[in-house]
Amino acid sequence: MKFAFVILYLVQLLPFKLLHKLADAVGLLAYYAVKPRRKVGEINLEKCFPERSAAERTALLKRHFQHMAKLMLEYGLYWYAPAERLRKLVHYRDKHYLDEALAAGEKVIILYPHFTAFEMAVYTLNQDVALTSMYSHQKNRTLDEQILKGRHRYQNVFLIGRTEGLRAIIKQIRKSAAPFLYLPDQDFGRNDSIFVDFFGIPTATIAGLSRIAGMTGAKVIPAIPTREADNTVTLCFYPAWEHFPGGDIEADTRRMNRFIEERICEQPEQYFWLHKRFKTRPEGEAGFYDKVK
């Protein structure tokens, strides 16, 4: 594992354009070599984009593997490159939505779905804004220590262990002015999840956004990172949601999923398709990934 960190350190010394040429090659190789993840991606895309041809979905998935390779090879930049270098690679759009809410003393939840440029953007944002976020410890101790060291690089983040639950999140938001970075769009199992549609598929979705916003009075301000053609990243902020939460937690959660769907359709190759998003199924329904080994 430490050897991998050395490789990442050396890779970040490459010119930015060369780093991404390497990532494109690694991503294409991974598409052919990592069959289990390729199968997960194929299933997800077939479920979410049945109207697209098999050839179109294959081309999309190949581009996605390249975006994932960019994410992985850029970890050397996140962890070791000068902070100012990251600043030059990330541009904000409409950040005034966040700045104005914080200046007014509002509590803020940043809705931050899993797009592949999310790390580049958040490592830059954390230079400017203190953040609260959740963290799932890694099984590999060396990797866990390195990720935590990276997360705390700017001494400007408070991490809550995923096992600490909702109470710890509410407590931290109430006592801190730091926005809470909320990444809800993965399958965390049946506990604390409800089934709401995601691309027309009943999907186990944590309903925490509605609950946290209701218990803290926090504004929900979405932020979406997009990798541009030159491989720099634009972090786009959206206006705070009005009338949220509503009186129906299922409707609130569906609203969240619908927003994420719309953003995915704008840049489908940059969303996390290699995660088993539909692993948890309603009782009695067959699993989508049962044949993936």
C-alpha atoms as a PDB file:
ATOM      1  CA  MET A   1       0.000   0.000   0.000  1.00  0.00           C
ATOM      2  CA  LYS A   2       2.815   2.437   0.819  1.00  0.00           C
ATOM      3  CA  PHE A   3       4.278   1.747  -2.615  1.00  0.00           C
ATOM      4  CA  ALA A   4       0.964   2.908  -4.131  1.00  0.00           C
ATOM      5  CA  PHE A   5       1.314   6.178  -2.211  1.00  0.00           C
ATOM      6  CA  VAL A   6       4.802   6.621  -3.662  1.00  0.00           C
ATOM      7  CA  ILE A   7       3.388   6.099  -7.171  1.00  0.00           C
ATOM      8  CA  LEU A   8       0.686   8.708  -6.524  1.00  0.00           C
ATOM      9  CA  TYR A   9       3.291  11.149  -5.254  1.00  0.00           C
ATOM     10  CA  LEU A  10       5.370  10.675  -8.401  1.00  0.00           C
ATOM     11  CA  VAL A  11       2.346  10.903 -10.711  1.00  0.00           C
ATOM     12  CA  GLN A  12       1.343  14.293  -9.307  1.00  0.00           C
ATOM     13  CA  LEU A  13       4.743  15.643 -10.381  1.00  0.00           C
ATOM     14  CA  LEU A  14       3.797  15.072 -14.020  1.00  0.00           C
ATOM     15  CA  PRO A  15       2.480  17.949 -16.119  1.00  0.00           C
ATOM     16  CA  PHE A  16      -1.308  18.082 -15.725  1.00  0.00           C
ATOM     17  CA  LYS A  17      -1.994  17.207 -19.379  1.00  0.00           C
ATOM     18  CA  LEU A  18       0.338  14.213 -19.247  1.00  0.00           C
ATOM     19  CA  LEU A  19      -1.239  12.975 -16.014  1.00  0.00           C
ATOM     20  CA  HIS A  20      -4.602  12.869 -17.776  1.00  0.00           C
ATOM     21  CA  LYS A  21      -3.273  11.174 -20.884  1.00  0.00           C
ATOM     22  CA  LEU A  22      -1.999   8.485 -18.539  1.00  0.00           C
ATOM     23  CA  ALA A  23      -5.384   8.353 -16.783  1.00  0.00           C
ATOM     24  CA  ASP A  24      -7.212   7.920 -20.087  1.00  0.00           C
ATOM     25  CA  ALA A  25      -5.007   4.942 -20.933  1.00  0.00           C
ATOM     26  CA  VAL A  26      -5.341   3.418 -17.454  1.00  0.00           C
ATOM     27  CA  GLY A  27      -9.109   3.869 -17.537  1.00  0.00           C
ATOM     28  CA  LEU A  28      -9.483   2.134 -20.872  1.00  0.00           C
ATOM     29  CA  LEU A  29      -7.275  -0.716 -19.675  1.00  0.00           C
ATOM     30  CA  ALA A  30      -9.359  -1.023 -16.497  1.00  0.00           C
ATOM     31  CA  TYR A  31     -12.550  -1.228 -18.555  1.00  0.00           C
ATOM     32  CA  TYR A  32     -11.304  -4.467 -20.110  1.00  0.00           C
ATOM     33  CA  ALA A  33      -9.400  -5.807 -17.096  1.00  0.00           C
ATOM     34  CA  VAL A  34     -11.794  -5.228 -14.192  1.00  0.00           C
ATOM     35  CA  LYS A  35     -14.714  -7.346 -15.366  1.00  0.00           C
ATOM     36  CA  PRO A  36     -16.789  -7.368 -12.116  1.00  0.00           C
ATOM     37  CA  ARG A  37     -16.955  -3.565 -11.970  1.00  0.00           C
ATOM     38  CA  ARG A  38     -17.610  -3.383 -15.697  1.00  0.00           C
ATOM     39  CA  LYS A  39     -20.584  -5.715 -15.234  1.00  0.00           C
ATOM     40  CA  VAL A  40     -21.939  -3.529 -12.404  1.00  0.00           C
ATOM     41  CA  GLY A  41     -21.631  -0.480 -14.641  1.00  0.00           C
ATOM     42  CA  GLU A  42     -23.351  -2.263 -17.527  1.00  0.00           C
ATOM     43  CA  ILE A  43     -26.269  -3.278 -15.322  1.00  0.00           C
ATOM     44  CA  ASN A  44     -26.661   0.208 -13.857  1.00  0.00           C
ATOM     45  CA  LEU A  45     -26.620   1.893 -17.248  1.00  0.00           C
ATOM     46  CA  GLU A  46     -29.050  -0.622 -18.747  1.00  0.00           C
ATOM     47  CA  LYS A  47     -31.467  -0.020 -15.858  1.00  0.00           C
ATOM     48  CA  CYS A  48     -31.163   3.778 -15.952  1.00  0.00           C
ATOM     49  CA  PHE A  49     -30.877   4.352 -19.704  1.00  0.00           C
ATOM     50  CA  PRO A  50     -32.893   1.573 -21.395  1.00  0.00           C
ATOM     51  CA  GLU A  51     -33.665   3.938 -24.272  1.00  0.00           C
ATOM     52  CA  ARG A  52     -29.997   4.052 -25.286  1.00  0.00           C
ATOM     53  CA  SER A  53     -28.501   1.400 -27.535  1.00  0.00           C
ATOM     54  CA  ALA A  54     -26.016  -1.130 -26.190  1.00  0.00           C
ATOM     55  CA  ALA A  55     -23.279   0.576 -28.234  1.00  0.00           C
ATOM     56  CA  GLU A  56     -24.111   3.970 -26.734  1.00  0.00           C
ATOM     57  CA  ARG A  57     -24.016   2.574 -23.208  1.00  0.00           C
ATOM     58  CA  THR A  58     -20.696   0.839 -23.887  1.00  0.00           C
ATOM     59  CA  ALA A  59     -19.138   4.075 -25.137  1.00  0.00           C
ATOM     60  CA  LEU A  60     -20.487   5.915 -22.085  1.00  0.00           C
ATOM     61  CA  LEU A  61     -19.091   3.281 -19.724  1.00  0.00           C
ATOM     62  CA  LYS A  62     -15.645   3.424 -21.326  1.00  0.00           C
ATOM     63  CA  ARG A  63     -15.569   7.197 -20.807  1.00  0.00           C
ATOM     64  CA  HIS A  64     -16.706   6.652 -17.237  1.00  0.00           C
ATOM     65  CA  PHE A  65     -13.803   4.293 -16.531  1.00  0.00           C
ATOM     66  CA  GLN A  66     -11.483   7.027 -17.809  1.00  0.00           C
ATOM     67  CA  HIS A  67     -13.094   9.551 -15.461  1.00  0.00           C
ATOM     68  CA  MET A  68     -12.662   7.124 -12.573  1.00  0.00           C
ATOM     69  CA  ALA A  69      -8.988   6.722 -13.473  1.00  0.00           C
ATOM     70  CA  LYS A  70      -8.610  10.508 -13.406  1.00  0.00           C
ATOM     71  CA  LEU A  71     -10.121  10.537  -9.919  1.00  0.00           C
ATOM     72  CA  MET A  72      -7.767   7.829  -8.688  1.00  0.00           C
ATOM     73  CA  LEU A  73      -4.558   9.182 -10.212  1.00  0.00           C
ATOM     74  CA  GLU A  74      -5.349  12.692  -8.981  1.00  0.00           C
ATOM     75  CA  TYR A  75      -5.145  11.576  -5.342  1.00  0.00           C
ATOM     76  CA  GLY A  76      -1.481  12.499  -5.474  1.00  0.00           C
ATOM     77  CA  LEU A  77      -2.573  16.068  -6.251  1.00  0.00           C
ATOM     78  CA  TYR A  78      -5.119  16.099  -3.434  1.00  0.00           C
ATOM     79  CA  TRP A  79      -2.652  14.807  -0.853  1.00  0.00           C
ATOM     80  CA  TYR A  80       0.744  16.138  -1.894  1.00  0.00           C
ATOM     81  CA  ALA A  81       0.527  18.997  -4.409  1.00  0.00           C
ATOM     82  CA  PRO A  82       0.744  22.619  -3.202  1.00  0.00           C
ATOM     83  CA  ALA A  83      -2.678  23.953  -2.245  1.00  0.00           C
ATOM     84  CA  GLU A  84      -2.303  26.793  -4.719  1.00  0.00           C
ATOM     85  CA  ARG A  85      -1.994  24.303  -7.568  1.00  0.00           C
ATOM     86  CA  LEU A  86      -5.404  22.865  -6.723  1.00  0.00           C
ATOM     87  CA  ARG A  87      -6.886  26.367  -6.632  1.00  0.00           C
ATOM     88  CA  LYS A  88      -5.810  26.902 -10.224  1.00  0.00           C
ATOM     89  CA  LEU A  89      -7.516  23.683 -11.306  1.00  0.00           C
ATOM     90  CA  VAL A  90     -10.934  24.352  -9.754  1.00  0.00           C
ATOM     91  CA  HIS A  91     -13.315  27.190 -10.609  1.00  0.00           C
ATOM     92  CA  TYR A  92     -16.480  28.148  -8.766  1.00  0.00           C
ATOM     93  CA  ARG A  93     -19.780  29.024 -10.383  1.00  0.00           C
ATOM     94  CA  ASP A  94     -22.502  30.808  -8.395  1.00  0.00           C
ATOM     95  CA  LYS A  95     -20.708  30.281  -5.084  1.00  0.00           C
ATOM     96  CA  HIS A  96     -22.530  33.389  -3.880  1.00  0.00           C
ATOM     97  CA  TYR A  97     -25.479  31.141  -2.965  1.00  0.00           C
ATOM     98  CA  LEU A  98     -23.300  29.502  -0.317  1.00  0.00           C
ATOM     99  CA  ASP A  99     -21.440  32.660   0.719  1.00  0.00           C
ATOM    100  CA  GLU A 100     -24.619  34.674   1.242  1.00  0.00           C
ATOM    101  CA  ALA A 101     -26.254  31.961   3.341  1.00  0.00           C
ATOM    102  CA  LEU A 102     -23.194  31.649   5.572  1.00  0.00           C
ATOM    103  CA  ALA A 103     -22.847  35.430   5.875  1.00  0.00           C
ATOM    104  CA  ALA A 104     -26.469  35.557   7.057  1.00  0.00           C
ATOM    105  CA  GLY A 105     -25.690  33.021   9.777  1.00  0.00           C
ATOM    106  CA  GLU A 106     -27.713  30.248   8.145  1.00  0.00           C
ATOM    107  CA  LYS A 107     -27.030  26.592   8.797  1.00  0.00           C
ATOM    108  CA  VAL A 108     -26.232  24.922   5.469  1.00  0.00           C
ATOM    109  CA  ILE A 109     -26.329  21.394   4.090  1.00  0.00           C
ATOM    110  CA  ILE A 110     -24.403  21.064   0.835  1.00  0.00           C
ATOM    111  CA  LEU A 111     -26.082  18.332  -1.205  1.00  0.00           C
ATOM    112  CA  TYR A 112     -23.096  16.770  -2.950  1.00  0.00           C
ATOM    113  CA  PRO A 113     -23.817  13.670  -5.079  1.00  0.00           C
ATOM    114  CA  HIS A 114     -21.105  11.276  -6.194  1.00  0.00           C
ATOM    115  CA  PHE A 115     -19.651  12.681  -9.401  1.00  0.00           C
ATOM    116  CA  THR A 116     -16.102  11.685 -10.315  1.00  0.00           C
ATOM    117  CA  ALA A 117     -14.585  15.163  -9.844  1.00  0.00           C
ATOM    118  CA  PHE A 118     -15.935  15.423  -6.294  1.00  0.00           C
ATOM    119  CA  GLU A 119     -12.565  15.064  -4.555  1.00  0.00           C
ATOM    120  CA  MET A 120     -10.748  17.684  -6.630  1.00  0.00           C
ATOM    121  CA  ALA A 121     -13.544  20.178  -5.998  1.00  0.00           C
ATOM    122  CA  VAL A 122     -13.938  19.543  -2.284  1.00  0.00           C
ATOM    123  CA  TYR A 123     -10.201  19.674  -1.546  1.00  0.00           C
ATOM    124  CA  THR A 124     -10.231  23.158  -3.053  1.00  0.00           C
ATOM    125  CA  LEU A 125     -13.487  24.241  -1.386  1.00  0.00           C
ATOM    126  CA  ASN A 126     -12.126  23.172   1.990  1.00  0.00           C
ATOM    127  CA  GLN A 127      -9.318  25.703   1.610  1.00  0.00           C
ATOM    128  CA  ASP A 128     -11.961  28.443   1.617  1.00  0.00           C
ATOM    129  CA  VAL A 129     -14.776  27.003   3.723  1.00  0.00           C
ATOM    130  CA  ALA A 130     -14.736  24.902   6.887  1.00  0.00           C
ATOM    131  CA  LEU A 131     -16.697  21.687   6.328  1.00  0.00           C
ATOM    132  CA  THR A 132     -18.388  18.958   8.310  1.00  0.00           C
ATOM    133  CA  SER A 133     -18.662  15.555   6.666  1.00  0.00           C
ATOM    134  CA  MET A 134     -19.082  11.852   7.356  1.00  0.00           C
ATOM    135  CA  TYR A 135     -16.342   9.271   7.079  1.00  0.00           C
ATOM    136  CA  SER A 136     -16.385   5.497   6.729  1.00  0.00           C
ATOM    137  CA  HIS A 137     -13.213   3.911   8.094  1.00  0.00           C
ATOM    138  CA  GLN A 138     -11.267   1.693   5.696  1.00  0.00           C
ATOM    139  CA  LYS A 139     -10.415  -1.903   6.499  1.00  0.00           C
ATOM    140  CA  ASN A 140      -6.776  -1.335   5.537  1.00  0.00           C
ATOM    141  CA  ARG A 141      -5.216   0.618   8.411  1.00  0.00           C
ATOM    142  CA  THR A 142      -2.477   2.237   6.298  1.00  0.00           C
ATOM    143  CA  LEU A 143      -5.002   3.435   3.718  1.00  0.00           C
ATOM    144  CA  ASP A 144      -7.328   4.654   6.461  1.00  0.00           C
ATOM    145  CA  GLU A 145      -4.561   6.709   8.074  1.00  0.00           C
ATOM    146  CA  GLN A 146      -3.564   8.273   4.749  1.00  0.00           C
ATOM    147  CA  ILE A 147      -7.130   9.180   3.792  1.00  0.00           C
ATOM    148  CA  LEU A 148      -7.732  10.755   7.204  1.00  0.00           C
ATOM    149  CA  LYS A 149      -4.469  12.677   6.943  1.00  0.00           C
ATOM    150  CA  GLY A 150      -5.561  13.943   3.543  1.00  0.00           C
ATOM    151  CA  ARG A 151      -9.011  14.896   4.793  1.00  0.00           C
ATOM    152  CA  HIS A 152      -7.442  16.976   7.564  1.00  0.00           C
ATOM    153  CA  ARG A 153      -4.872  18.558   5.271  1.00  0.00           C
ATOM    154  CA  TYR A 154      -6.162  22.106   5.816  1.00  0.00           C
ATOM    155  CA  GLN A 155      -7.147  21.613   9.472  1.00  0.00           C
ATOM    156  CA  ASN A 156     -10.556  22.895   8.409  1.00  0.00           C
ATOM    157  CA  VAL A 157     -12.835  19.859   8.514  1.00  0.00           C
ATOM    158  CA  PHE A 158     -14.775  17.970  11.188  1.00  0.00           C
ATOM    159  CA  LEU A 159     -15.415  14.301  10.395  1.00  0.00           C
ATOM    160  CA  ILE A 160     -18.245  12.241  11.865  1.00  0.00           C
ATOM    161  CA  GLY A 161     -17.922   8.466  11.767  1.00  0.00           C
ATOM    162  CA  ARG A 162     -20.722   6.886   9.762  1.00  0.00           C
ATOM    163  CA  THR A 163     -21.534   4.599  12.692  1.00  0.00           C
ATOM    164  CA  GLU A 164     -22.151   7.607  14.974  1.00  0.00           C
ATOM    165  CA  GLY A 165     -25.520   8.177  13.364  1.00  0.00           C
ATOM    166  CA  LEU A 166     -27.997  11.019  13.018  1.00  0.00           C
ATOM    167  CA  ARG A 167     -27.671  12.363  16.550  1.00  0.00           C
ATOM    168  CA  ALA A 168     -23.965  13.176  16.074  1.00  0.00           C
ATOM    169  CA  ILE A 169     -24.715  14.990  12.809  1.00  0.00           C
ATOM    170  CA  ILE A 170     -27.470  17.107  14.368  1.00  0.00           C
ATOM    171  CA  LYS A 171     -25.284  17.987  17.346  1.00  0.00           C
ATOM    172  CA  GLN A 172     -22.379  19.100  15.156  1.00  0.00           C
ATOM    173  CA  ILE A 173     -24.510  21.179  12.782  1.00  0.00           C
ATOM    174  CA  ARG A 174     -26.183  22.972  15.688  1.00  0.00           C
ATOM    175  CA  LYS A 175     -22.922  23.942  17.350  1.00  0.00           C
ATOM    176  CA  SER A 176     -20.897  24.773  14.225  1.00  0.00           C
ATOM    177  CA  ALA A 177     -21.138  27.324  11.426  1.00  0.00           C
ATOM    178  CA  ALA A 178     -19.465  24.906   9.007  1.00  0.00           C
ATOM    179  CA  PRO A 179     -21.697  23.547   6.208  1.00  0.00           C
ATOM    180  CA  PHE A 180     -22.467  19.841   6.338  1.00  0.00           C
ATOM    181  CA  LEU A 181     -21.325  18.057   3.176  1.00  0.00           C
ATOM    182  CA  TYR A 182     -23.993  15.461   2.447  1.00  0.00           C
ATOM    183  CA  LEU A 183     -23.432  12.574   0.004  1.00  0.00           C
ATOM    184  CA  PRO A 184     -26.614  10.455   0.098  1.00  0.00           C
ATOM    185  CA  ASP A 185     -26.635   8.593  -3.210  1.00  0.00           C
ATOM    186  CA  GLN A 186     -25.224   5.207  -2.332  1.00  0.00           C
ATOM    187  CA  ASP A 187     -26.808   1.995  -1.087  1.00  0.00           C
ATOM    188  CA  PHE A 188     -26.385   1.832   2.705  1.00  0.00           C
ATOM    189  CA  GLY A 189     -28.698  -1.123   3.155  1.00  0.00           C
ATOM    190  CA  ARG A 190     -32.249  -1.455   4.376  1.00  0.00           C
ATOM    191  CA  ASN A 191     -31.804   0.240   7.758  1.00  0.00           C
ATOM    192  CA  ASP A 192     -32.695   3.948   7.733  1.00  0.00           C
ATOM    193  CA  SER A 193     -33.553   3.746   4.010  1.00  0.00           C
ATOM    194  CA  ILE A 194     -36.850   4.093   2.207  1.00  0.00           C
ATOM    195  CA  PHE A 195     -37.656   2.963  -1.329  1.00  0.00           C
ATOM    196  CA  VAL A 196     -38.207   5.861  -3.688  1.00  0.00           C
ATOM    197  CA  ASP A 197     -37.766   6.038  -7.441  1.00  0.00           C
ATOM    198  CA  PHE A 198     -34.384   6.736  -8.975  1.00  0.00           C
ATOM    199  CA  PHE A 199     -34.550   6.634 -12.780  1.00  0.00           C
ATOM    200  CA  GLY A 200     -37.924   4.948 -12.338  1.00  0.00           C
ATOM    201  CA  ILE A 201     -36.468   2.155 -10.184  1.00  0.00           C
ATOM    202  CA  PRO A 202     -37.529   1.689  -6.533  1.00  0.00           C
ATOM    203  CA  THR A 203     -34.203   2.409  -4.826  1.00  0.00           C
ATOM    204  CA  ALA A 204     -33.150   2.152  -1.181  1.00  0.00           C
ATOM    205  CA  THR A 205     -32.354   5.763  -0.306  1.00  0.00           C
ATOM    206  CA  ILE A 206     -31.405   7.252   3.023  1.00  0.00           C
ATOM    207  CA  ALA A 207     -33.933   9.896   4.020  1.00  0.00           C
ATOM    208  CA  GLY A 208     -31.499  11.876   6.147  1.00  0.00           C
ATOM    209  CA  LEU A 209     -31.601  15.088   4.103  1.00  0.00           C
ATOM    210  CA  SER A 210     -35.186  15.819   5.028  1.00  0.00           C
ATOM    211  CA  ARG A 211     -34.696  14.830   8.664  1.00  0.00           C
ATOM    212  CA  ILE A 212     -31.475  16.778   9.175  1.00  0.00           C
ATOM    213  CA  ALA A 213     -32.827  19.907   7.490  1.00  0.00           C
ATOM    214  CA  GLY A 214     -36.010  19.704   9.575  1.00  0.00           C
ATOM    215  CA  MET A 215     -34.197  19.229  12.889  1.00  0.00           C
ATOM    216  CA  THR A 216     -31.589  21.949  12.326  1.00  0.00           C
ATOM    217  CA  GLY A 217     -33.391  24.478  10.129  1.00  0.00           C
ATOM    218  CA  ALA A 218     -30.518  24.195   7.658  1.00  0.00           C
ATOM    219  CA  LYS A 219     -30.787  25.401   4.082  1.00  0.00           C
ATOM    220  CA  VAL A 220     -30.106  22.795   1.392  1.00  0.00           C
ATOM    221  CA  ILE A 221     -27.721  24.177  -1.243  1.00  0.00           C
ATOM    222  CA  PRO A 222     -26.709  21.635  -3.913  1.00  0.00           C
ATOM    223  CA  ALA A 223     -23.218  21.672  -5.441  1.00  0.00           C
ATOM    224  CA  ILE A 224     -22.184  19.692  -8.507  1.00  0.00           C
ATOM    225  CA  PRO A 225     -18.566  19.243  -9.724  1.00  0.00           C
ATOM    226  CA  THR A 226     -17.981  18.938 -13.468  1.00  0.00           C
ATOM    227  CA  ARG A 227     -14.734  18.025 -15.195  1.00  0.00           C
ATOM    228  CA  GLU A 228     -14.275  20.237 -18.231  1.00  0.00           C
ATOM    229  CA  ALA A 229     -12.657  19.325 -21.566  1.00  0.00           C
ATOM    230  CA  ASP A 230      -9.275  20.614 -20.340  1.00  0.00           C
ATOM    231  CA  ASN A 231      -9.646  18.465 -17.169  1.00  0.00           C
ATOM    232  CA  THR A 232     -10.038  21.434 -14.856  1.00  0.00           C
ATOM    233  CA  VAL A 233     -13.121  21.263 -12.622  1.00  0.00           C
ATOM    234  CA  THR A 234     -16.068  23.614 -12.235  1.00  0.00           C
ATOM    235  CA  LEU A 235     -17.945  23.456  -8.938  1.00  0.00           C
ATOM    236  CA  CYS A 236     -21.440  24.801  -9.560  1.00  0.00           C
ATOM    237  CA  PHE A 237     -23.696  25.880  -6.674  1.00  0.00           C
ATOM    238  CA  TYR A 238     -27.481  25.984  -6.915  1.00  0.00           C
ATOM    239  CA  PRO A 239     -30.018  28.169  -5.082  1.00  0.00           C
ATOM    240  CA  ALA A 240     -31.193  26.985  -1.678  1.00  0.00           C
ATOM    241  CA  TRP A 241     -34.256  24.780  -1.991  1.00  0.00           C
ATOM    242  CA  GLU A 242     -37.504  26.471  -1.113  1.00  0.00           C
ATOM    243  CA  HIS A 243     -40.209  24.758   0.962  1.00  0.00           C
ATOM    244  CA  PHE A 244     -37.826  22.035   2.087  1.00  0.00           C
ATOM    245  CA  PRO A 245     -38.425  19.908   3.990  1.00  0.00           C
ATOM    246  CA  GLY A 246     -42.089  19.516   3.214  1.00  0.00           C
ATOM    247  CA  GLY A 247     -44.589  17.530   5.174  1.00  0.00           C
ATOM    248  CA  ASP A 248     -43.859  14.214   3.453  1.00  0.00           C
ATOM    249  CA  ILE A 249     -40.454  12.597   3.939  1.00  0.00           C
ATOM    250  CA  GLU A 250     -40.971  10.295   0.958  1.00  0.00           C
ATOM    251  CA  ALA A 251     -41.764  13.252  -1.313  1.00  0.00           C
ATOM    252  CA  ASP A 252     -38.709  15.101   0.031  1.00  0.00           C
ATOM    253  CA  THR A 253     -36.462  12.130  -0.711  1.00  0.00           C
ATOM    254  CA  ARG A 254     -37.940  11.730  -4.184  1.00  0.00           C
ATOM    255  CA  ARG A 255     -37.252  15.431  -4.792  1.00  0.00           C
ATOM    256  CA  MET A 256     -33.614  14.830  -3.913  1.00  0.00           C
ATOM    257  CA  ASN A 257     -33.348  11.816  -6.228  1.00  0.00           C
ATOM    258  CA  ARG A 258     -35.028  13.698  -9.061  1.00  0.00           C
ATOM    259  CA  PHE A 259     -32.541  16.565  -8.737  1.00  0.00           C
ATOM    260  CA  ILE A 260     -29.642  14.090  -8.860  1.00  0.00           C
ATOM    261  CA  GLU A 261     -31.165  12.370 -11.916  1.00  0.00           C
ATOM    262  CA  GLU A 262     -31.365  15.698 -13.749  1.00  0.00           C
ATOM    263  CA  ARG A 263     -27.729  16.477 -13.034  1.00  0.00           C
ATOM    264  CA  ILE A 264     -26.669  12.974 -14.110  1.00  0.00           C
ATOM    265  CA  CYS A 265     -28.412  13.390 -17.450  1.00  0.00           C
ATOM    266  CA  GLU A 266     -26.312  16.521 -18.039  1.00  0.00           C
ATOM    267  CA  GLN A 267     -23.037  14.579 -17.692  1.00  0.00           C
ATOM    268  CA  PRO A 268     -23.799  10.841 -17.417  1.00  0.00           C
ATOM    269  CA  GLU A 269     -20.204   9.706 -17.947  1.00  0.00           C
ATOM    270  CA  GLN A 270     -19.142  11.537 -14.775  1.00  0.00           C
ATOM    271  CA  TYR A 271     -21.501   9.851 -12.307  1.00  0.00           C
ATOM    272  CA  PHE A 272     -20.477   6.888 -10.104  1.00  0.00           C
ATOM    273  CA  TRP A 273     -21.773   3.919 -12.114  1.00  0.00           C
ATOM    274  CA  LEU A 274     -19.487   1.261 -10.628  1.00  0.00           C
ATOM    275  CA  HIS A 275     -21.253   1.246  -7.244  1.00  0.00           C
ATOM    276  CA  LYS A 276     -24.019  -1.322  -6.658  1.00  0.00           C
ATOM    277  CA  ARG A 277     -26.613   1.420  -6.253  1.00  0.00           C
ATOM    278  CA  PHE A 278     -29.560  -0.988  -6.571  1.00  0.00           C
ATOM    279  CA  LYS A 279     -28.194  -3.798  -4.398  1.00  0.00           C
ATOM    280  CA  THR A 280     -30.924  -3.577  -1.756  1.00  0.00           C
ATOM    281  CA  ARG A 281     -34.238  -4.600  -3.322  1.00  0.00           C
ATOM    282  CA  PRO A 282     -37.805  -4.550  -2.018  1.00  0.00           C
ATOM    283  CA  GLU A 283     -38.811  -7.742  -0.237  1.00  0.00           C
ATOM    284  CA  GLY A 284     -39.271 -10.620  -2.648  1.00  0.00           C
ATOM    285  CA  GLU A 285     -37.586  -8.918  -5.619  1.00  0.00           C
ATOM    286  CA  ALA A 286     -34.576 -10.611  -7.235  1.00  0.00           C
ATOM    287  CA  GLY A 287     -31.219  -8.878  -6.961  1.00  0.00           C
ATOM    288  CA  PHE A 288     -29.790  -7.023  -9.939  1.00  0.00           C
ATOM    289  CA  TYR A 289     -26.191  -8.089  -9.345  1.00  0.00           C
ATOM    290  CA  ASP A 290     -26.582 -11.746  -8.325  1.00  0.00           C
ATOM    291  CA  LYS A 291     -24.548 -12.996 -11.298  1.00  0.00           C
ATOM    292  CA  VAL A 292     -21.699 -10.483 -10.814  1.00  0.00           C
ATOM    293  CA  LYS A 293     -18.590 -12.183  -9.418  1.00  0.00           C
END
